[in-house]
Amino acid sequence: MAQEFLSDSIGLARPSSESEMPDREPIRFLIIGTREGVMEEIKNFFAIGFAQVDEWSPLTPLPKTDLVMTILIRYRKGHSSDSSTRKSGR
């Protein structure tokens, strides 16, 4: 399962648009909370080996709140979206 995700670390070439890499699906992880809470979660994700601290976007304040948000984008190998090729779990 972990092999389905491709690294998006700093220094690696990133596609300038999603259409340039049709075999890769972007998966977005979003954290919203207080500055302290978001920073703690980023450190927790780092501690378990999920993501490097510098892979997250800069903290962005949410208007009219004391909250901030950050996003991490990972790319997974794309699969056909044709529902006829999917197996039912039933």
Protein backbone atom coordinates (compact mmCIF):
# COMPACT_ATOMS: atom_id res chain seq x y z
CA MET A 1 0.00 0.00 0.00
CA ALA A 2 2.75 2.49 0.85
CA GLN A 3 4.20 1.90 -2.61
CA GLU A 4 1.11 3.48 -4.16
CA PHE A 5 2.30 6.88 -2.91
CA LEU A 6 5.13 8.67 -4.62
CA SER A 7 7.30 11.12 -2.72
CA ASP A 8 6.65 14.81 -3.03
CA SER A 9 9.72 15.88 -1.07
CA ILE A 10 11.50 19.15 -1.61
CA GLY A 11 13.97 18.93 -4.48
CA LEU A 12 12.04 16.45 -6.57
CA ALA A 13 10.47 17.57 -9.80
CA ARG A 14 6.79 18.25 -9.42
CA PRO A 15 4.37 18.43 -12.32
CA SER A 16 3.36 22.00 -13.11
CA SER A 17 -0.17 20.76 -13.69
CA GLU A 18 -2.04 17.58 -12.89
CA SER A 19 -2.77 17.02 -16.59
CA GLU A 20 0.96 16.53 -17.26
CA MET A 21 0.99 13.45 -15.03
CA PRO A 22 -2.26 11.61 -15.77
CA ASP A 23 -0.95 8.42 -14.13
CA ARG A 24 -0.68 10.18 -10.74
CA GLU A 25 -3.58 11.11 -8.50
CA PRO A 26 -3.05 13.92 -5.97
CA ILE A 27 -4.17 13.10 -2.43
CA ARG A 28 -4.50 16.11 -0.13
CA PHE A 29 -4.14 16.10 3.65
CA LEU A 30 -5.46 19.21 5.36
CA ILE A 31 -4.96 20.30 8.96
CA ILE A 32 -7.00 23.16 10.42
CA GLY A 33 -6.65 24.36 14.00
CA THR A 34 -4.87 26.79 16.25
CA ARG A 35 -1.28 27.57 15.32
CA GLU A 36 -0.06 25.53 18.30
CA GLY A 37 -2.34 22.59 17.54
CA VAL A 38 -1.40 22.46 13.87
CA MET A 39 2.31 22.63 14.65
CA GLU A 40 1.93 19.82 17.19
CA GLU A 41 0.18 17.61 14.64
CA ILE A 42 2.85 18.30 12.02
CA LYS A 43 5.48 17.23 14.57
CA ASN A 44 3.43 14.11 15.42
CA PHE A 45 3.23 13.15 11.73
CA PHE A 46 6.99 13.63 11.49
CA ALA A 47 7.57 11.49 14.60
CA ILE A 48 5.67 8.53 13.09
CA GLY A 49 7.45 8.91 9.74
CA PHE A 50 4.41 10.11 7.80
CA ALA A 51 5.79 13.40 6.46
CA GLN A 52 8.74 15.72 6.80
CA VAL A 53 7.99 19.05 8.46
CA ASP A 54 8.96 20.99 5.34
CA GLU A 55 6.56 19.03 3.12
CA TRP A 56 3.57 20.90 4.56
CA SER A 57 2.51 24.23 3.06
CA PRO A 58 3.15 27.41 5.07
CA LEU A 59 0.56 28.05 7.76
CA THR A 60 -2.25 30.17 6.32
CA PRO A 61 -4.54 32.16 8.63
CA LEU A 62 -8.27 31.63 8.15
CA PRO A 63 -10.18 34.92 7.91
CA LYS A 64 -12.01 36.16 11.00
CA THR A 65 -10.76 33.30 13.20
CA ASP A 66 -7.73 32.42 15.28
CA LEU A 67 -7.24 29.30 13.15
CA VAL A 68 -4.63 28.39 10.56
CA MET A 69 -4.48 25.70 7.91
CA THR A 70 -1.80 23.75 6.10
CA ILE A 71 -1.92 21.16 3.34
CA LEU A 72 0.24 18.25 2.28
CA ILE A 73 -0.10 16.82 -1.21
CA ARG A 74 1.05 13.32 -1.97
CA TYR A 75 0.70 11.57 -5.29
CA ARG A 76 -0.42 8.01 -5.70
CA LYS A 77 -0.17 5.92 -8.80
CA GLY A 78 -3.34 6.42 -10.76
CA HIS A 79 -5.83 3.64 -11.37
CA SER A 80 -8.65 3.37 -13.84
CA SER A 81 -11.76 5.20 -12.71
CA ASP A 82 -13.94 2.92 -14.81
CA SER A 83 -16.40 1.43 -12.30
CA SER A 84 -16.94 -1.64 -14.49
CA THR A 85 -13.40 -2.81 -13.67
CA ARG A 86 -13.88 -2.49 -9.92
CA LYS A 87 -14.72 -5.52 -7.84
CA SER A 88 -17.58 -5.32 -5.41
CA GLY A 89 -16.73 -6.04 -1.81
CA ARG A 90 -20.08 -7.77 -1.35
